Amino acid sequence: KASAGLVSQNQTLYLAWASVENIIYGTLFFGTSLLGQPMLALYAQRLYPIPSGVRASAAFRRAFVITSAVWLCGHTVRAVLRLWLLLYLQLPLEVYLVVDTAAGWPINLGLFAFTAWYPLRALQRAGFMSVVARPVTAIDAVELGIEESAPTTV
């Protein structure tokens, strides 16, 4: 991005590069899910150890293909919005930077919220997760905190 801006000395090219990055990321997320190794699932695996039986299930693959498709759509909307703000509205630089940032937050928050919600819902519907019947006690919370903060070897 910086190289393109420095070489071309073109502010529009420099700012439009973020749209190209959005399309690349969205395509990468979706492409890896179609190939059976969704990047979003790798991120989820880093946050929580997912059993291999669940990872190998059709419900897991389908959930992350759908989630990755939503990320592709979200990144595409973000890229088109950026280009529209930059090329069509031709806002002054200061205004563009503020509007671009403000417009990006709802898209990013929506993607994160969907990613946190949908795979869990899909796995629960497939019978991989059950609702906890008993309330979590203070000792359970402490135990979970210790387990989650302990270093793991991979």
N, C-alpha and C. Protein backbone atom coordinates (compact mmCIF):
# COMPACT_ATOMS: atom_id res chain seq x y z
N LYS A 1 0.83 -1.19 0.00
CA LYS A 1 0.00 0.00 0.00
C LYS A 1 0.88 1.25 0.00
N ALA A 2 1.81 1.27 0.92
CA ALA A 2 2.70 2.44 0.99
C ALA A 2 3.55 2.55 -0.27
N SER A 3 4.03 1.40 -0.77
CA SER A 3 4.85 1.42 -1.99
C SER A 3 4.07 1.95 -3.17
N ALA A 4 2.81 1.50 -3.30
CA ALA A 4 1.98 1.97 -4.41
C ALA A 4 1.78 3.47 -4.32
N GLY A 5 1.56 3.99 -3.12
CA GLY A 5 1.38 5.43 -2.95
C GLY A 5 2.65 6.21 -3.21
N LEU A 6 3.79 5.68 -2.74
CA LEU A 6 5.06 6.38 -2.94
C LEU A 6 5.49 6.38 -4.40
N VAL A 7 5.36 5.23 -5.04
CA VAL A 7 5.79 5.13 -6.44
C VAL A 7 4.91 5.99 -7.34
N SER A 8 3.60 5.92 -7.13
CA SER A 8 2.68 6.63 -8.02
C SER A 8 2.49 8.09 -7.62
N GLN A 9 2.79 8.41 -6.36
CA GLN A 9 2.51 9.75 -5.84
C GLN A 9 1.04 10.13 -6.05
N ASN A 10 0.17 9.11 -5.94
CA ASN A 10 -1.25 9.29 -6.19
C ASN A 10 -2.01 8.97 -4.91
N GLN A 11 -2.63 9.99 -4.33
CA GLN A 11 -3.38 9.82 -3.09
C GLN A 11 -4.57 8.88 -3.27
N THR A 12 -5.24 8.96 -4.40
CA THR A 12 -6.41 8.11 -4.65
C THR A 12 -6.01 6.65 -4.72
N LEU A 13 -4.91 6.34 -5.39
CA LEU A 13 -4.43 4.96 -5.46
C LEU A 13 -4.08 4.44 -4.07
N TYR A 14 -3.42 5.29 -3.29
CA TYR A 14 -3.05 4.90 -1.94
C TYR A 14 -4.29 4.56 -1.11
N LEU A 15 -5.32 5.39 -1.17
CA LEU A 15 -6.54 5.17 -0.39
C LEU A 15 -7.39 4.04 -0.95
N ALA A 16 -7.36 3.83 -2.26
CA ALA A 16 -8.16 2.76 -2.87
C ALA A 16 -7.56 1.39 -2.61
N TRP A 17 -6.30 1.34 -2.25
CA TRP A 17 -5.64 0.06 -2.02
C TRP A 17 -6.33 -0.74 -0.92
N ALA A 18 -6.91 -0.06 0.05
CA ALA A 18 -7.62 -0.76 1.14
C ALA A 18 -8.80 -1.56 0.59
N SER A 19 -9.43 -1.08 -0.47
CA SER A 19 -10.53 -1.83 -1.09
C SER A 19 -10.02 -3.11 -1.73
N VAL A 20 -8.86 -3.04 -2.34
CA VAL A 20 -8.26 -4.24 -2.93
C VAL A 20 -7.95 -5.25 -1.82
N GLU A 21 -7.42 -4.75 -0.69
CA GLU A 21 -7.13 -5.63 0.44
C GLU A 21 -8.41 -6.29 0.96
N ASN A 22 -9.51 -5.53 1.03
CA ASN A 22 -10.78 -6.11 1.48
C ASN A 22 -11.21 -7.26 0.59
N ILE A 23 -11.10 -7.10 -0.71
CA ILE A 23 -11.50 -8.14 -1.65
C ILE A 23 -10.58 -9.36 -1.50
N ILE A 24 -9.29 -9.13 -1.32
CA ILE A 24 -8.34 -10.23 -1.14
C ILE A 24 -8.68 -11.01 0.12
N TYR A 25 -8.90 -10.30 1.24
CA TYR A 25 -9.21 -10.99 2.50
C TYR A 25 -10.52 -11.77 2.40
N GLY A 26 -11.55 -11.15 1.85
CA GLY A 26 -12.83 -11.84 1.71
C GLY A 26 -12.72 -13.08 0.84
N THR A 27 -12.00 -12.97 -0.26
CA THR A 27 -11.80 -14.11 -1.15
C THR A 27 -10.97 -15.19 -0.47
N LEU A 28 -9.97 -14.79 0.29
CA LEU A 28 -9.14 -15.74 1.02
C LEU A 28 -9.96 -16.51 2.06
N PHE A 29 -10.78 -15.79 2.82
CA PHE A 29 -11.63 -16.47 3.80
C PHE A 29 -12.56 -17.47 3.13
N PHE A 30 -13.22 -17.04 2.06
CA PHE A 30 -14.19 -17.91 1.39
C PHE A 30 -13.48 -19.06 0.66
N GLY A 31 -12.38 -18.76 -0.01
CA GLY A 31 -11.65 -19.78 -0.75
C GLY A 31 -11.13 -20.88 0.15
N THR A 32 -10.58 -20.50 1.31
CA THR A 32 -10.07 -21.53 2.22
C THR A 32 -11.19 -22.40 2.78
N SER A 33 -12.36 -21.82 2.94
CA SER A 33 -13.48 -22.63 3.43
C SER A 33 -13.96 -23.61 2.36
N LEU A 34 -13.93 -23.19 1.10
CA LEU A 34 -14.31 -24.10 0.02
C LEU A 34 -13.30 -25.23 -0.14
N LEU A 35 -12.06 -24.96 0.21
CA LEU A 35 -11.00 -25.98 0.13
C LEU A 35 -10.98 -26.90 1.35
N GLY A 36 -11.85 -26.64 2.31
CA GLY A 36 -11.96 -27.51 3.48
C GLY A 36 -11.12 -27.11 4.67
N GLN A 37 -10.40 -26.00 4.60
CA GLN A 37 -9.57 -25.52 5.71
C GLN A 37 -9.90 -24.05 5.99
N PRO A 38 -11.11 -23.76 6.48
CA PRO A 38 -11.51 -22.36 6.65
C PRO A 38 -10.62 -21.60 7.63
N MET A 39 -10.11 -20.46 7.18
CA MET A 39 -9.27 -19.64 8.05
C MET A 39 -10.02 -19.20 9.29
N LEU A 40 -11.30 -18.89 9.15
CA LEU A 40 -12.08 -18.48 10.32
C LEU A 40 -12.14 -19.59 11.37
N ALA A 41 -12.19 -20.83 10.92
CA ALA A 41 -12.19 -21.96 11.87
C ALA A 41 -10.85 -22.07 12.56
N LEU A 42 -9.77 -21.72 11.88
CA LEU A 42 -8.45 -21.73 12.52
C LEU A 42 -8.39 -20.69 13.63
N TYR A 43 -8.99 -19.52 13.39
CA TYR A 43 -9.06 -18.50 14.44
C TYR A 43 -9.90 -19.01 15.61
N ALA A 44 -11.02 -19.64 15.31
CA ALA A 44 -11.88 -20.19 16.36
C ALA A 44 -11.13 -21.25 17.16
N GLN A 45 -10.36 -22.07 16.48
CA GLN A 45 -9.58 -23.12 17.14
C GLN A 45 -8.56 -22.52 18.10
N ARG A 46 -8.03 -21.38 17.76
CA ARG A 46 -7.07 -20.72 18.67
C ARG A 46 -7.74 -20.20 19.92
N LEU A 47 -9.02 -19.83 19.80
CA LEU A 47 -9.75 -19.31 20.95
C LEU A 47 -10.30 -20.42 21.83
N TYR A 48 -10.66 -21.53 21.22
CA TYR A 48 -11.27 -22.62 21.96
C TYR A 48 -10.90 -23.94 21.28
N PRO A 49 -10.41 -24.91 22.04
CA PRO A 49 -10.04 -26.19 21.41
C PRO A 49 -11.29 -26.96 20.94
N ILE A 50 -11.44 -27.08 19.65
CA ILE A 50 -12.59 -27.75 19.07
C ILE A 50 -12.21 -29.21 18.83
N PRO A 51 -12.99 -30.15 19.36
CA PRO A 51 -12.67 -31.57 19.17
C PRO A 51 -12.60 -31.94 17.68
N SER A 52 -11.71 -32.89 17.37
CA SER A 52 -11.52 -33.28 15.97
C SER A 52 -12.79 -33.86 15.36
N GLY A 53 -13.62 -34.53 16.15
CA GLY A 53 -14.88 -35.07 15.63
C GLY A 53 -15.83 -33.99 15.18
N VAL A 54 -15.82 -32.88 15.89
CA VAL A 54 -16.67 -31.74 15.50
C VAL A 54 -16.10 -31.08 14.25
N ARG A 55 -14.78 -30.90 14.22
CA ARG A 55 -14.14 -30.27 13.05
C ARG A 55 -14.36 -31.08 11.78
N ALA A 56 -14.47 -32.38 11.90
CA ALA A 56 -14.63 -33.25 10.73
C ALA A 56 -16.09 -33.36 10.28
N SER A 57 -17.00 -32.79 11.03
CA SER A 57 -18.43 -32.96 10.72
C SER A 57 -18.87 -32.05 9.57
N ALA A 58 -19.92 -32.49 8.91
CA ALA A 58 -20.51 -31.69 7.82
C ALA A 58 -21.10 -30.40 8.36
N ALA A 59 -21.67 -30.45 9.57
CA ALA A 59 -22.27 -29.24 10.16
C ALA A 59 -21.20 -28.17 10.40
N PHE A 60 -20.03 -28.57 10.86
CA PHE A 60 -18.93 -27.64 11.11
C PHE A 60 -18.47 -27.01 9.80
N ARG A 61 -18.26 -27.84 8.79
CA ARG A 61 -17.81 -27.33 7.49
C ARG A 61 -18.84 -26.37 6.90
N ARG A 62 -20.11 -26.77 6.94
CA ARG A 62 -21.18 -25.92 6.39
C ARG A 62 -21.27 -24.60 7.15
N ALA A 63 -21.15 -24.65 8.48
CA ALA A 63 -21.22 -23.42 9.28
C ALA A 63 -20.12 -22.45 8.89
N PHE A 64 -18.92 -22.97 8.67
CA PHE A 64 -17.82 -22.07 8.35
C PHE A 64 -17.78 -21.67 6.87
N VAL A 65 -18.38 -22.45 6.00
CA VAL A 65 -18.54 -22.00 4.61
C VAL A 65 -19.51 -20.83 4.58
N ILE A 66 -20.61 -20.95 5.32
CA ILE A 66 -21.59 -19.86 5.36
C ILE A 66 -20.98 -18.63 6.03
N THR A 67 -20.29 -18.83 7.13
CA THR A 67 -19.66 -17.70 7.82
C THR A 67 -18.62 -17.03 6.92
N SER A 68 -17.85 -17.82 6.21
CA SER A 68 -16.84 -17.26 5.30
C SER A 68 -17.50 -16.52 4.14
N ALA A 69 -18.63 -17.03 3.66
CA ALA A 69 -19.36 -16.33 2.59
C ALA A 69 -19.86 -14.98 3.09
N VAL A 70 -20.30 -14.93 4.34
CA VAL A 70 -20.74 -13.65 4.92
C VAL A 70 -19.56 -12.69 5.02
N TRP A 71 -18.39 -13.21 5.38
CA TRP A 71 -17.20 -12.35 5.42
C TRP A 71 -16.84 -11.84 4.03
N LEU A 72 -16.97 -12.68 3.01
CA LEU A 72 -16.71 -12.23 1.64
C LEU A 72 -17.69 -11.11 1.29
N CYS A 73 -18.96 -11.29 1.60
CA CYS A 73 -19.96 -10.25 1.31
C CYS A 73 -19.67 -8.97 2.09
N GLY A 74 -19.33 -9.11 3.37
CA GLY A 74 -19.03 -7.94 4.19
C GLY A 74 -17.82 -7.18 3.69
N HIS A 75 -16.78 -7.91 3.32
CA HIS A 75 -15.58 -7.25 2.79
C HIS A 75 -15.85 -6.61 1.43
N THR A 76 -16.70 -7.23 0.64
CA THR A 76 -17.05 -6.64 -0.66
C THR A 76 -17.84 -5.36 -0.46
N VAL A 77 -18.80 -5.37 0.45
CA VAL A 77 -19.57 -4.15 0.75
C VAL A 77 -18.63 -3.06 1.24
N ARG A 78 -17.70 -3.43 2.10
CA ARG A 78 -16.73 -2.46 2.63
C ARG A 78 -15.88 -1.87 1.52
N ALA A 79 -15.43 -2.72 0.60
CA ALA A 79 -14.60 -2.24 -0.51
C ALA A 79 -15.39 -1.31 -1.42
N VAL A 80 -16.61 -1.70 -1.77
CA VAL A 80 -17.44 -0.87 -2.65
C VAL A 80 -17.77 0.46 -1.97
N LEU A 81 -18.08 0.42 -0.69
CA LEU A 81 -18.37 1.65 0.05
C LEU A 81 -17.16 2.58 0.05
N ARG A 82 -15.98 2.02 0.30
CA ARG A 82 -14.76 2.84 0.28
C ARG A 82 -14.56 3.49 -1.08
N LEU A 83 -14.70 2.69 -2.13
CA LEU A 83 -14.50 3.24 -3.48
C LEU A 83 -15.54 4.29 -3.81
N TRP A 84 -16.77 4.05 -3.38
CA TRP A 84 -17.84 5.02 -3.63
C TRP A 84 -17.54 6.34 -2.93
N LEU A 85 -17.12 6.26 -1.66
CA LEU A 85 -16.76 7.47 -0.93
C LEU A 85 -15.58 8.20 -1.58
N LEU A 86 -14.63 7.42 -2.05
CA LEU A 86 -13.40 7.99 -2.59
C LEU A 86 -13.58 8.55 -4.00
N LEU A 87 -14.19 7.75 -4.87
CA LEU A 87 -14.24 8.12 -6.28
C LEU A 87 -15.50 8.89 -6.68
N TYR A 88 -16.64 8.53 -6.10
CA TYR A 88 -17.89 9.16 -6.51
C TYR A 88 -18.15 10.45 -5.74
N LEU A 89 -18.04 10.39 -4.43
CA LEU A 89 -18.32 11.59 -3.63
C LEU A 89 -17.15 12.57 -3.63
N GLN A 90 -15.95 12.06 -3.83
CA GLN A 90 -14.73 12.88 -3.87
C GLN A 90 -14.67 13.83 -2.68
N LEU A 91 -14.75 13.23 -1.50
CA LEU A 91 -14.71 14.01 -0.27
C LEU A 91 -13.30 14.53 -0.02
N PRO A 92 -13.18 15.63 0.71
CA PRO A 92 -11.85 16.06 1.14
C PRO A 92 -11.22 14.96 2.01
N LEU A 93 -9.92 14.89 2.01
CA LEU A 93 -9.21 13.81 2.69
C LEU A 93 -9.63 13.65 4.15
N GLU A 94 -9.72 14.74 4.89
CA GLU A 94 -10.07 14.66 6.31
C GLU A 94 -11.46 14.07 6.49
N VAL A 95 -12.40 14.50 5.66
CA VAL A 95 -13.77 14.02 5.75
C VAL A 95 -13.83 12.55 5.33
N TYR A 96 -13.11 12.20 4.27
CA TYR A 96 -13.10 10.82 3.80
C TYR A 96 -12.61 9.88 4.90
N LEU A 97 -11.52 10.24 5.56
CA LEU A 97 -10.95 9.37 6.60
C LEU A 97 -11.93 9.16 7.76
N VAL A 98 -12.62 10.21 8.16
CA VAL A 98 -13.59 10.09 9.25
C VAL A 98 -14.79 9.26 8.82
N VAL A 99 -15.34 9.56 7.64
CA VAL A 99 -16.52 8.84 7.16
C VAL A 99 -16.19 7.37 6.89
N ASP A 100 -15.03 7.12 6.31
CA ASP A 100 -14.61 5.74 6.03
C ASP A 100 -14.50 4.93 7.32
N THR A 101 -13.89 5.52 8.33
CA THR A 101 -13.75 4.83 9.61
C THR A 101 -15.12 4.61 10.26
N ALA A 102 -15.95 5.63 10.28
CA ALA A 102 -17.27 5.51 10.90
C ALA A 102 -18.15 4.51 10.15
N ALA A 103 -18.03 4.46 8.85
CA ALA A 103 -18.84 3.52 8.06
C ALA A 103 -18.34 2.08 8.20
N GLY A 104 -17.08 1.91 8.50
CA GLY A 104 -16.51 0.57 8.62
C GLY A 104 -16.86 -0.13 9.92
N TRP A 105 -17.05 0.61 10.98
CA TRP A 105 -17.33 0.00 12.28
C TRP A 105 -18.57 -0.89 12.27
N PRO A 106 -19.72 -0.43 11.77
CA PRO A 106 -20.89 -1.32 11.79
C PRO A 106 -20.69 -2.59 10.97
N ILE A 107 -19.99 -2.50 9.86
CA ILE A 107 -19.74 -3.68 9.04
C ILE A 107 -18.87 -4.67 9.80
N ASN A 108 -17.77 -4.18 10.37
CA ASN A 108 -16.86 -5.06 11.12
C ASN A 108 -17.53 -5.66 12.35
N LEU A 109 -18.27 -4.85 13.09
CA LEU A 109 -18.97 -5.37 14.27
C LEU A 109 -20.00 -6.43 13.86
N GLY A 110 -20.69 -6.19 12.77
CA GLY A 110 -21.65 -7.17 12.28
C GLY A 110 -20.98 -8.49 11.90
N LEU A 111 -19.83 -8.41 11.25
CA LEU A 111 -19.11 -9.63 10.88
C LEU A 111 -18.65 -10.39 12.12
N PHE A 112 -18.12 -9.68 13.09
CA PHE A 112 -17.67 -10.35 14.31
C PHE A 112 -18.84 -10.97 15.07
N ALA A 113 -19.94 -10.24 15.16
CA ALA A 113 -21.11 -10.76 15.87
C ALA A 113 -21.66 -12.00 15.17
N PHE A 114 -21.75 -11.96 13.85
CA PHE A 114 -22.25 -13.11 13.11
C PHE A 114 -21.32 -14.31 13.30
N THR A 115 -20.03 -14.07 13.29
CA THR A 115 -19.05 -15.15 13.45
C THR A 115 -19.11 -15.76 14.85
N ALA A 116 -19.39 -14.96 15.84
CA ALA A 116 -19.51 -15.49 17.20
C ALA A 116 -20.82 -16.25 17.39
N TRP A 117 -21.86 -15.86 16.66
CA TRP A 117 -23.18 -16.44 16.86
C TRP A 117 -23.47 -17.64 15.96
N TYR A 118 -23.26 -17.49 14.66
CA TYR A 118 -23.77 -18.49 13.72
C TYR A 118 -23.13 -19.87 13.86
N PRO A 119 -21.81 -20.02 13.89
CA PRO A 119 -21.25 -21.37 14.02
C PRO A 119 -21.73 -22.09 15.29
N LEU A 120 -21.84 -21.36 16.39
CA LEU A 120 -22.33 -21.99 17.62
C LEU A 120 -23.77 -22.45 17.45
N ARG A 121 -24.58 -21.63 16.82
CA ARG A 121 -25.98 -21.99 16.57
C ARG A 121 -26.06 -23.23 15.67
N ALA A 122 -25.26 -23.24 14.63
CA ALA A 122 -25.28 -24.38 13.70
C ALA A 122 -24.82 -25.66 14.38
N LEU A 123 -23.80 -25.58 15.20
CA LEU A 123 -23.32 -26.77 15.90
C LEU A 123 -24.30 -27.23 16.98
N GLN A 124 -24.98 -26.28 17.59
CA GLN A 124 -25.99 -26.65 18.58
C GLN A 124 -27.16 -27.37 17.89
N ARG A 125 -27.59 -26.86 16.74
CA ARG A 125 -28.67 -27.50 16.00
C ARG A 125 -28.28 -28.90 15.53
N ALA A 126 -26.98 -29.10 15.27
CA ALA A 126 -26.50 -30.41 14.82
C ALA A 126 -26.30 -31.37 15.98
N GLY A 127 -26.51 -30.91 17.21
CA GLY A 127 -26.42 -31.78 18.36
C GLY A 127 -25.04 -31.86 18.99
N PHE A 128 -24.13 -30.99 18.60
CA PHE A 128 -22.78 -31.02 19.17
C PHE A 128 -22.66 -30.26 20.47
N MET A 129 -23.62 -29.42 20.74
CA MET A 129 -23.56 -28.61 21.96
C MET A 129 -24.87 -28.75 22.70
N SER A 130 -24.77 -28.74 24.00
CA SER A 130 -25.99 -28.79 24.79
C SER A 130 -26.01 -27.58 25.71
N VAL A 131 -27.19 -27.22 26.10
CA VAL A 131 -27.36 -26.08 27.00
C VAL A 131 -27.02 -26.55 28.41
N VAL A 132 -26.25 -25.75 29.13
CA VAL A 132 -25.86 -26.08 30.49
C VAL A 132 -27.10 -25.97 31.37
N ALA A 133 -27.42 -27.07 32.09
CA ALA A 133 -28.62 -27.11 32.90
C ALA A 133 -28.42 -26.48 34.28
N ARG A 134 -27.18 -26.47 34.75
CA ARG A 134 -26.96 -25.94 36.09
C ARG A 134 -26.26 -24.58 35.98
N PRO A 135 -26.49 -23.71 36.96
CA PRO A 135 -25.84 -22.40 36.93
C PRO A 135 -24.34 -22.55 37.19
N VAL A 136 -23.58 -21.62 36.66
CA VAL A 136 -22.14 -21.63 36.85
C VAL A 136 -21.84 -21.02 38.21
N THR A 137 -21.09 -21.75 39.03
CA THR A 137 -20.73 -21.26 40.35
C THR A 137 -19.42 -20.49 40.28
N ALA A 138 -19.08 -19.85 41.37
CA ALA A 138 -17.84 -19.07 41.43
C ALA A 138 -16.63 -19.97 41.23
N ILE A 139 -16.66 -21.16 41.81
CA ILE A 139 -15.53 -22.07 41.66
C ILE A 139 -15.40 -22.54 40.21
N ASP A 140 -16.54 -22.73 39.52
CA ASP A 140 -16.49 -23.09 38.10
C ASP A 140 -15.84 -21.98 37.28
N ALA A 141 -16.17 -20.75 37.61
CA ALA A 141 -15.60 -19.61 36.89
C ALA A 141 -14.10 -19.52 37.12
N VAL A 142 -13.66 -19.74 38.35
CA VAL A 142 -12.23 -19.71 38.66
C VAL A 142 -11.51 -20.83 37.91
N GLU A 143 -12.09 -22.02 37.95
CA GLU A 143 -11.48 -23.17 37.27
C GLU A 143 -11.36 -22.90 35.76
N LEU A 144 -12.42 -22.36 35.17
CA LEU A 144 -12.39 -22.05 33.74
C LEU A 144 -11.33 -20.99 33.44
N GLY A 145 -11.23 -19.98 34.29
CA GLY A 145 -10.22 -18.93 34.10
C GLY A 145 -8.82 -19.49 34.13
N ILE A 146 -8.57 -20.42 35.05
CA ILE A 146 -7.24 -21.04 35.14
C ILE A 146 -6.97 -21.89 33.89
N GLU A 147 -7.97 -22.68 33.47
CA GLU A 147 -7.79 -23.52 32.29
C GLU A 147 -7.51 -22.67 31.05
N GLU A 148 -8.25 -21.58 30.90
CA GLU A 148 -8.11 -20.75 29.71
C GLU A 148 -6.82 -19.96 29.69
N SER A 149 -6.27 -19.64 30.87
CA SER A 149 -5.06 -18.84 30.91
C SER A 149 -3.79 -19.68 30.95
N ALA A 150 -3.93 -20.97 31.17
CA ALA A 150 -2.76 -21.84 31.23
C ALA A 150 -2.16 -22.00 29.84
N PRO A 151 -0.83 -21.98 29.73
CA PRO A 151 -0.22 -22.15 28.42
C PRO A 151 -0.47 -23.56 27.89
N THR A 152 -0.63 -23.64 26.59
CA THR A 152 -0.85 -24.93 25.95
C THR A 152 0.26 -25.20 24.96
N THR A 153 0.52 -26.45 24.73
CA THR A 153 1.51 -26.82 23.72
C THR A 153 0.78 -27.41 22.54
N VAL A 154 1.20 -27.01 21.39
CA VAL A 154 0.54 -27.49 20.17
C VAL A 154 1.52 -28.22 19.31
